[in-house]
N, C-alpha and C. Protein backbone atom coordinates (compact mmCIF):
# COMPACT_ATOMS: atom_id res chain seq x y z
N MET A 1 0.85 -1.17 0.00
CA MET A 1 0.00 0.00 0.00
C MET A 1 0.89 1.24 0.00
N ILE A 2 0.56 2.19 -0.81
CA ILE A 2 1.33 3.42 -0.92
C ILE A 2 0.50 4.58 -0.36
N PHE A 3 1.19 5.44 0.40
CA PHE A 3 0.52 6.57 1.06
C PHE A 3 1.08 7.88 0.52
N SER A 4 0.24 8.89 0.44
CA SER A 4 0.70 10.23 0.06
C SER A 4 1.53 10.80 1.20
N ALA A 5 2.22 11.90 0.94
CA ALA A 5 3.02 12.56 1.99
C ALA A 5 2.11 12.99 3.14
N GLU A 6 0.96 13.49 2.82
CA GLU A 6 0.02 13.95 3.85
C GLU A 6 -0.43 12.78 4.73
N GLN A 7 -0.77 11.66 4.08
CA GLN A 7 -1.19 10.48 4.83
C GLN A 7 -0.04 9.93 5.67
N ALA A 8 1.15 9.86 5.09
CA ALA A 8 2.31 9.33 5.82
C ALA A 8 2.61 10.18 7.05
N ALA A 9 2.55 11.49 6.90
CA ALA A 9 2.80 12.38 8.04
C ALA A 9 1.75 12.18 9.11
N CYS A 10 0.51 12.10 8.72
CA CYS A 10 -0.59 11.93 9.68
C CYS A 10 -0.47 10.60 10.42
N ILE A 11 -0.23 9.53 9.69
CA ILE A 11 -0.16 8.20 10.29
C ILE A 11 1.05 8.06 11.22
N SER A 12 2.18 8.62 10.81
CA SER A 12 3.41 8.45 11.59
C SER A 12 3.53 9.40 12.76
N GLY A 13 2.79 10.50 12.72
CA GLY A 13 2.84 11.45 13.83
C GLY A 13 3.80 12.60 13.62
N CYS A 14 4.33 12.75 12.43
CA CYS A 14 5.20 13.90 12.17
C CYS A 14 4.39 14.95 11.42
N THR A 15 4.96 16.12 11.27
CA THR A 15 4.28 17.15 10.50
C THR A 15 4.68 16.99 9.03
N LEU A 16 3.88 17.54 8.16
CA LEU A 16 4.20 17.50 6.74
C LEU A 16 5.50 18.26 6.48
N ARG A 17 5.70 19.33 7.22
CA ARG A 17 6.94 20.11 7.07
C ARG A 17 8.16 19.27 7.46
N GLN A 18 8.06 18.52 8.58
CA GLN A 18 9.16 17.63 8.97
C GLN A 18 9.42 16.59 7.89
N LEU A 19 8.36 15.97 7.40
CA LEU A 19 8.51 14.94 6.38
C LEU A 19 9.20 15.49 5.14
N ARG A 20 8.81 16.65 4.70
CA ARG A 20 9.43 17.24 3.51
C ARG A 20 10.89 17.61 3.76
N TYR A 21 11.18 18.13 4.95
CA TYR A 21 12.57 18.45 5.29
C TYR A 21 13.41 17.19 5.30
N TRP A 22 12.91 16.13 5.94
CA TRP A 22 13.66 14.88 6.01
C TRP A 22 13.84 14.26 4.62
N ARG A 23 12.82 14.41 3.78
CA ARG A 23 12.94 13.93 2.40
C ARG A 23 13.99 14.75 1.65
N ASP A 24 13.93 16.06 1.77
CA ASP A 24 14.85 16.94 1.05
C ASP A 24 16.30 16.78 1.49
N THR A 25 16.50 16.41 2.76
CA THR A 25 17.87 16.24 3.27
C THR A 25 18.35 14.78 3.18
N GLY A 26 17.49 13.89 2.65
CA GLY A 26 17.91 12.52 2.44
C GLY A 26 17.72 11.59 3.62
N LEU A 27 17.12 12.07 4.69
CA LEU A 27 16.89 11.20 5.85
C LEU A 27 15.87 10.12 5.52
N ILE A 28 14.84 10.51 4.80
CA ILE A 28 13.79 9.58 4.35
C ILE A 28 13.76 9.61 2.83
N GLU A 29 13.70 8.43 2.26
CA GLU A 29 13.57 8.34 0.81
C GLU A 29 12.24 7.68 0.49
N PRO A 30 11.36 8.41 -0.19
CA PRO A 30 10.06 7.82 -0.50
C PRO A 30 10.20 6.53 -1.29
N ALA A 31 9.33 5.58 -1.03
CA ALA A 31 9.35 4.31 -1.75
C ALA A 31 9.05 4.52 -3.23
N VAL A 32 8.19 5.49 -3.51
CA VAL A 32 7.84 5.83 -4.89
C VAL A 32 8.28 7.27 -5.14
N PRO A 33 9.35 7.47 -5.94
CA PRO A 33 9.81 8.83 -6.21
C PRO A 33 8.77 9.63 -7.00
N PRO A 34 8.78 10.95 -6.86
CA PRO A 34 7.77 11.78 -7.53
C PRO A 34 7.73 11.59 -9.05
N GLU A 35 8.88 11.36 -9.65
CA GLU A 35 8.92 11.21 -11.12
C GLU A 35 8.20 9.95 -11.60
N ARG A 36 7.96 9.00 -10.71
CA ARG A 36 7.25 7.78 -11.09
C ARG A 36 5.77 7.82 -10.70
N ASN A 37 5.36 8.94 -10.09
CA ASN A 37 3.99 9.00 -9.58
C ASN A 37 3.34 10.35 -9.91
N GLY A 38 3.58 10.84 -11.09
CA GLY A 38 2.94 12.08 -11.51
C GLY A 38 3.34 13.29 -10.69
N GLY A 39 4.56 13.33 -10.20
CA GLY A 39 5.04 14.47 -9.44
C GLY A 39 4.81 14.39 -7.94
N ARG A 40 4.18 13.33 -7.47
CA ARG A 40 3.92 13.17 -6.03
C ARG A 40 4.65 11.94 -5.53
N GLU A 41 5.37 12.10 -4.44
CA GLU A 41 6.05 10.94 -3.86
C GLU A 41 5.06 10.05 -3.14
N GLY A 42 5.43 8.78 -2.97
CA GLY A 42 4.60 7.83 -2.25
C GLY A 42 5.40 7.12 -1.19
N TYR A 43 4.78 6.85 -0.07
CA TYR A 43 5.45 6.24 1.08
C TYR A 43 4.82 4.88 1.37
N ASP A 44 5.68 3.89 1.66
CA ASP A 44 5.17 2.56 1.96
C ASP A 44 5.26 2.29 3.47
N PHE A 45 4.92 1.06 3.86
CA PHE A 45 4.92 0.70 5.28
C PHE A 45 6.32 0.86 5.89
N GLY A 46 7.35 0.47 5.15
CA GLY A 46 8.72 0.64 5.64
C GLY A 46 9.05 2.09 5.94
N ASN A 47 8.60 2.99 5.07
CA ASN A 47 8.78 4.42 5.33
C ASN A 47 8.06 4.85 6.59
N LEU A 48 6.85 4.34 6.80
CA LEU A 48 6.09 4.69 8.00
C LEU A 48 6.82 4.22 9.26
N VAL A 49 7.43 3.04 9.21
CA VAL A 49 8.19 2.54 10.36
C VAL A 49 9.38 3.46 10.63
N GLU A 50 10.09 3.86 9.57
CA GLU A 50 11.21 4.77 9.74
C GLU A 50 10.75 6.10 10.33
N LEU A 51 9.67 6.65 9.80
CA LEU A 51 9.17 7.93 10.30
C LEU A 51 8.78 7.84 11.77
N ARG A 52 8.08 6.78 12.13
CA ARG A 52 7.65 6.62 13.52
C ARG A 52 8.86 6.44 14.44
N THR A 53 9.88 5.75 13.95
CA THR A 53 11.11 5.56 14.73
C THR A 53 11.80 6.90 14.95
N ILE A 54 11.88 7.70 13.92
CA ILE A 54 12.50 9.03 14.03
C ILE A 54 11.75 9.87 15.06
N ILE A 55 10.44 9.88 14.96
CA ILE A 55 9.62 10.65 15.91
C ILE A 55 9.87 10.16 17.34
N GLY A 56 9.88 8.85 17.52
CA GLY A 56 10.11 8.29 18.86
C GLY A 56 11.47 8.67 19.42
N MET A 57 12.50 8.63 18.58
CA MET A 57 13.84 9.00 19.04
C MET A 57 13.91 10.49 19.36
N LEU A 58 13.31 11.32 18.52
CA LEU A 58 13.30 12.76 18.79
C LEU A 58 12.61 13.06 20.12
N LYS A 59 11.48 12.41 20.36
CA LYS A 59 10.77 12.60 21.63
C LYS A 59 11.59 12.11 22.81
N GLY A 60 12.45 11.12 22.56
CA GLY A 60 13.32 10.59 23.60
C GLY A 60 14.59 11.41 23.82
N GLY A 61 14.73 12.51 23.06
CA GLY A 61 15.87 13.40 23.26
C GLY A 61 17.07 13.08 22.39
N ILE A 62 16.93 12.19 21.43
CA ILE A 62 18.04 11.86 20.53
C ILE A 62 18.11 12.93 19.44
N SER A 63 19.31 13.40 19.16
CA SER A 63 19.46 14.45 18.15
C SER A 63 19.23 13.90 16.75
N LEU A 64 18.82 14.77 15.86
CA LEU A 64 18.59 14.38 14.47
C LEU A 64 19.89 13.89 13.83
N GLN A 65 21.01 14.46 14.23
CA GLN A 65 22.31 14.02 13.71
C GLN A 65 22.58 12.55 14.08
N LYS A 66 22.30 12.17 15.31
CA LYS A 66 22.50 10.79 15.74
C LYS A 66 21.51 9.86 15.04
N ILE A 67 20.29 10.32 14.87
CA ILE A 67 19.29 9.52 14.17
C ILE A 67 19.73 9.29 12.73
N ARG A 68 20.24 10.32 12.09
CA ARG A 68 20.71 10.21 10.71
C ARG A 68 21.85 9.18 10.61
N LYS A 69 22.80 9.25 11.54
CA LYS A 69 23.91 8.29 11.53
C LYS A 69 23.43 6.86 11.74
N THR A 70 22.47 6.71 12.65
CA THR A 70 21.92 5.38 12.92
C THR A 70 21.23 4.81 11.69
N LEU A 71 20.37 5.61 11.06
CA LEU A 71 19.66 5.13 9.88
C LEU A 71 20.62 4.82 8.74
N ASP A 72 21.64 5.66 8.56
CA ASP A 72 22.64 5.39 7.53
C ASP A 72 23.35 4.06 7.78
N PHE A 73 23.74 3.84 9.04
CA PHE A 73 24.41 2.58 9.39
C PHE A 73 23.50 1.38 9.12
N LEU A 74 22.27 1.46 9.58
CA LEU A 74 21.34 0.34 9.42
C LEU A 74 21.04 0.05 7.96
N ARG A 75 20.92 1.10 7.16
CA ARG A 75 20.65 0.90 5.73
C ARG A 75 21.85 0.26 5.03
N ARG A 76 23.05 0.72 5.35
CA ARG A 76 24.26 0.12 4.75
C ARG A 76 24.41 -1.33 5.18
N LYS A 77 24.19 -1.58 6.46
CA LYS A 77 24.35 -2.93 7.01
C LYS A 77 23.34 -3.89 6.40
N ALA A 78 22.11 -3.44 6.29
CA ALA A 78 21.05 -4.32 5.79
C ALA A 78 21.14 -4.49 4.28
N SER A 79 21.52 -3.44 3.58
CA SER A 79 21.59 -3.42 2.11
C SER A 79 20.43 -4.18 1.47
N GLY A 80 19.24 -3.91 1.97
CA GLY A 80 18.03 -4.49 1.38
C GLY A 80 17.70 -5.90 1.82
N SER A 81 18.57 -6.54 2.61
CA SER A 81 18.32 -7.93 2.97
C SER A 81 17.40 -8.08 4.18
N ARG A 82 17.31 -7.06 4.99
CA ARG A 82 16.50 -7.14 6.20
C ARG A 82 15.69 -5.86 6.35
N PRO A 83 14.40 -5.98 6.44
CA PRO A 83 13.60 -4.76 6.59
C PRO A 83 13.90 -4.03 7.89
N PHE A 84 13.84 -2.72 7.81
CA PHE A 84 14.09 -1.88 8.98
C PHE A 84 13.12 -2.21 10.10
N SER A 85 11.92 -2.64 9.74
CA SER A 85 10.90 -2.95 10.74
C SER A 85 11.28 -4.13 11.63
N GLU A 86 12.29 -4.91 11.24
CA GLU A 86 12.73 -6.04 12.06
C GLU A 86 13.87 -5.69 13.00
N CYS A 87 14.38 -4.46 12.92
CA CYS A 87 15.49 -4.04 13.79
C CYS A 87 14.96 -3.75 15.19
N LYS A 88 15.85 -3.97 16.16
CA LYS A 88 15.53 -3.63 17.55
C LYS A 88 16.60 -2.67 18.03
N LEU A 89 16.18 -1.48 18.42
CA LEU A 89 17.10 -0.45 18.85
C LEU A 89 16.90 -0.14 20.32
N ILE A 90 17.99 0.25 20.96
CA ILE A 90 17.95 0.65 22.36
C ILE A 90 18.98 1.77 22.53
N THR A 91 18.70 2.69 23.44
CA THR A 91 19.62 3.80 23.65
C THR A 91 19.86 4.01 25.14
N ASP A 92 21.03 4.53 25.43
CA ASP A 92 21.34 4.93 26.80
C ASP A 92 21.31 6.45 26.92
N GLY A 93 20.86 7.11 25.88
CA GLY A 93 20.79 8.56 25.86
C GLY A 93 21.95 9.20 25.12
N SER A 94 23.08 8.50 25.04
CA SER A 94 24.21 9.08 24.33
C SER A 94 24.53 8.35 23.03
N THR A 95 24.21 7.08 22.97
CA THR A 95 24.41 6.34 21.73
C THR A 95 23.19 5.47 21.46
N ILE A 96 23.14 4.90 20.29
CA ILE A 96 22.01 4.05 19.90
C ILE A 96 22.57 2.69 19.50
N PHE A 97 22.04 1.65 20.11
CA PHE A 97 22.50 0.29 19.86
C PHE A 97 21.45 -0.48 19.09
N GLU A 98 21.91 -1.38 18.23
CA GLU A 98 21.02 -2.35 17.61
C GLU A 98 21.21 -3.66 18.34
N ILE A 99 20.12 -4.27 18.76
CA ILE A 99 20.18 -5.57 19.42
C ILE A 99 20.36 -6.62 18.34
N CYS A 100 21.39 -7.45 18.49
CA CYS A 100 21.73 -8.44 17.47
C CYS A 100 21.02 -9.76 17.71
N ASP A 101 21.12 -10.62 16.72
CA ASP A 101 20.54 -11.96 16.84
C ASP A 101 21.35 -12.83 17.79
N GLN A 102 22.67 -12.58 17.86
CA GLN A 102 23.50 -13.33 18.80
C GLN A 102 23.16 -12.88 20.21
N PRO A 103 23.07 -13.84 21.13
CA PRO A 103 22.70 -13.46 22.50
C PRO A 103 23.73 -12.53 23.13
N GLN A 104 23.23 -11.59 23.88
CA GLN A 104 24.05 -10.67 24.68
C GLN A 104 25.00 -9.83 23.83
N GLN A 105 24.60 -9.46 22.62
CA GLN A 105 25.46 -8.64 21.78
C GLN A 105 24.68 -7.46 21.21
N LEU A 106 25.32 -6.31 21.23
CA LEU A 106 24.75 -5.08 20.69
C LEU A 106 25.75 -4.47 19.72
N LEU A 107 25.24 -3.76 18.70
CA LEU A 107 26.10 -2.99 17.81
C LEU A 107 25.85 -1.52 18.06
N ASP A 108 26.92 -0.77 18.24
CA ASP A 108 26.81 0.68 18.43
C ASP A 108 26.65 1.31 17.05
N THR A 109 25.46 1.79 16.75
CA THR A 109 25.19 2.31 15.41
C THR A 109 25.92 3.62 15.13
N LEU A 110 26.32 4.33 16.15
CA LEU A 110 27.03 5.60 15.96
C LEU A 110 28.53 5.42 15.83
N ARG A 111 29.00 4.22 16.08
CA ARG A 111 30.44 3.93 15.96
C ARG A 111 30.67 2.84 14.92
N ARG A 112 29.93 2.97 13.81
CA ARG A 112 30.05 2.07 12.67
C ARG A 112 29.93 0.60 13.04
N GLY A 113 29.08 0.28 13.99
CA GLY A 113 28.79 -1.10 14.31
C GLY A 113 29.74 -1.74 15.30
N GLN A 114 30.46 -0.94 16.07
CA GLN A 114 31.33 -1.51 17.09
C GLN A 114 30.50 -2.37 18.03
N ILE A 115 31.02 -3.55 18.34
CA ILE A 115 30.28 -4.50 19.17
C ILE A 115 30.36 -4.10 20.64
N ALA A 116 29.25 -4.17 21.31
CA ALA A 116 29.18 -3.99 22.76
C ALA A 116 28.51 -5.24 23.31
N PHE A 117 28.93 -5.67 24.46
CA PHE A 117 28.37 -6.88 25.04
C PHE A 117 27.48 -6.54 26.22
N CYS A 118 26.43 -7.31 26.38
CA CYS A 118 25.52 -7.15 27.51
C CYS A 118 25.97 -8.08 28.62
N ILE A 119 25.91 -7.60 29.80
CA ILE A 119 26.22 -8.43 30.96
C ILE A 119 25.02 -8.38 31.89
N ALA A 120 24.48 -9.55 32.18
CA ALA A 120 23.32 -9.62 33.07
C ALA A 120 23.79 -9.46 34.51
N LEU A 121 23.49 -8.33 35.10
CA LEU A 121 23.97 -8.04 36.45
C LEU A 121 23.28 -8.88 37.50
N ASP A 122 22.06 -9.32 37.23
CA ASP A 122 21.38 -10.14 38.23
C ASP A 122 22.11 -11.46 38.42
N GLY A 123 22.65 -12.04 37.34
CA GLY A 123 23.42 -13.28 37.45
C GLY A 123 24.71 -13.08 38.22
N ILE A 124 25.36 -11.95 37.99
CA ILE A 124 26.60 -11.64 38.70
C ILE A 124 26.31 -11.44 40.17
N ALA A 125 25.25 -10.72 40.50
CA ALA A 125 24.89 -10.47 41.90
C ALA A 125 24.60 -11.78 42.63
N GLU A 126 23.85 -12.68 41.98
CA GLU A 126 23.55 -13.98 42.60
C GLU A 126 24.83 -14.78 42.84
N GLU A 127 25.73 -14.77 41.85
CA GLU A 127 26.99 -15.50 42.00
C GLU A 127 27.81 -14.93 43.15
N LEU A 128 27.89 -13.60 43.24
CA LEU A 128 28.66 -12.98 44.32
C LEU A 128 28.04 -13.26 45.68
N GLU A 129 26.71 -13.24 45.76
CA GLU A 129 26.06 -13.54 47.03
C GLU A 129 26.39 -14.95 47.49
N SER A 130 26.37 -15.91 46.58
CA SER A 130 26.70 -17.29 46.98
C SER A 130 28.17 -17.41 47.35
N ARG A 131 29.04 -16.68 46.67
CA ARG A 131 30.46 -16.70 47.02
C ARG A 131 30.69 -16.09 48.40
N LEU A 132 29.95 -15.00 48.71
CA LEU A 132 30.09 -14.37 50.02
C LEU A 132 29.62 -15.30 51.13
N VAL A 133 28.55 -16.03 50.89
CA VAL A 133 28.07 -17.00 51.88
C VAL A 133 29.15 -18.05 52.12
N GLU A 134 29.75 -18.55 51.04
CA GLU A 134 30.82 -19.55 51.14
C GLU A 134 32.04 -18.96 51.86
N PHE A 135 32.40 -17.71 51.51
CA PHE A 135 33.53 -17.05 52.15
C PHE A 135 33.31 -16.91 53.66
N ARG A 136 32.12 -16.48 54.06
CA ARG A 136 31.81 -16.32 55.48
C ARG A 136 31.86 -17.67 56.21
N ARG A 137 31.38 -18.71 55.55
CA ARG A 137 31.40 -20.03 56.15
C ARG A 137 32.85 -20.50 56.33
N GLU A 138 33.67 -20.31 55.32
CA GLU A 138 35.08 -20.71 55.41
C GLU A 138 35.82 -19.88 56.46
N ARG A 139 35.53 -18.60 56.56
CA ARG A 139 36.17 -17.73 57.55
C ARG A 139 35.78 -18.17 58.96
N ALA A 140 34.49 -18.45 59.14
CA ALA A 140 34.04 -18.90 60.46
C ALA A 140 34.72 -20.22 60.83
N GLU A 141 34.85 -21.12 59.88
CA GLU A 141 35.52 -22.41 60.13
C GLU A 141 36.99 -22.18 60.47
N PHE A 142 37.66 -21.27 59.73
CA PHE A 142 39.06 -20.96 59.99
C PHE A 142 39.24 -20.38 61.39
N MET A 143 38.36 -19.42 61.76
CA MET A 143 38.45 -18.81 63.09
C MET A 143 38.19 -19.85 64.18
N ARG A 144 37.25 -20.75 63.97
CA ARG A 144 36.97 -21.80 64.96
C ARG A 144 38.20 -22.70 65.15
N ARG A 145 38.89 -23.05 64.09
CA ARG A 145 40.09 -23.90 64.20
C ARG A 145 41.24 -23.13 64.83
N LEU A 146 41.35 -21.86 64.51
CA LEU A 146 42.43 -21.02 65.04
C LEU A 146 42.29 -20.88 66.54
N LEU A 147 41.08 -20.70 67.02
CA LEU A 147 40.86 -20.50 68.44
C LEU A 147 40.85 -21.82 69.22
N ALA A 148 40.74 -22.93 68.53
CA ALA A 148 40.69 -24.23 69.22
C ALA A 148 42.03 -24.74 69.62
């Protein structure tokens, strides 16, 4: 299904002015260029996902420059093989990560895909708690033998 610029802006939650600016600066590329549609561009579902993602990131305080870098990275990486709608992004406020298919791995989209690893802190905390229990038990046993 193809949507007009007005429909795409309305559905995605951006203004028509934002959509045209992003189109003119290359942030968004209409699925149907104006020259193929009687002078009017057309937007598809993938475009709507990109637009909604941009709006969400802007509302979350991410700069347009960072959003542009992220989208450029994702488009180069995917090169048409994976739809943008299947990507999973997460941010810490300063950078934007793509969650990878490999467990516990993230790609930093602003650093050309540098790998970052996730560490589950709850597992570390549980391990340390059990080690501390063991340490206290061993210390108590040592002190009991020392005093005996």
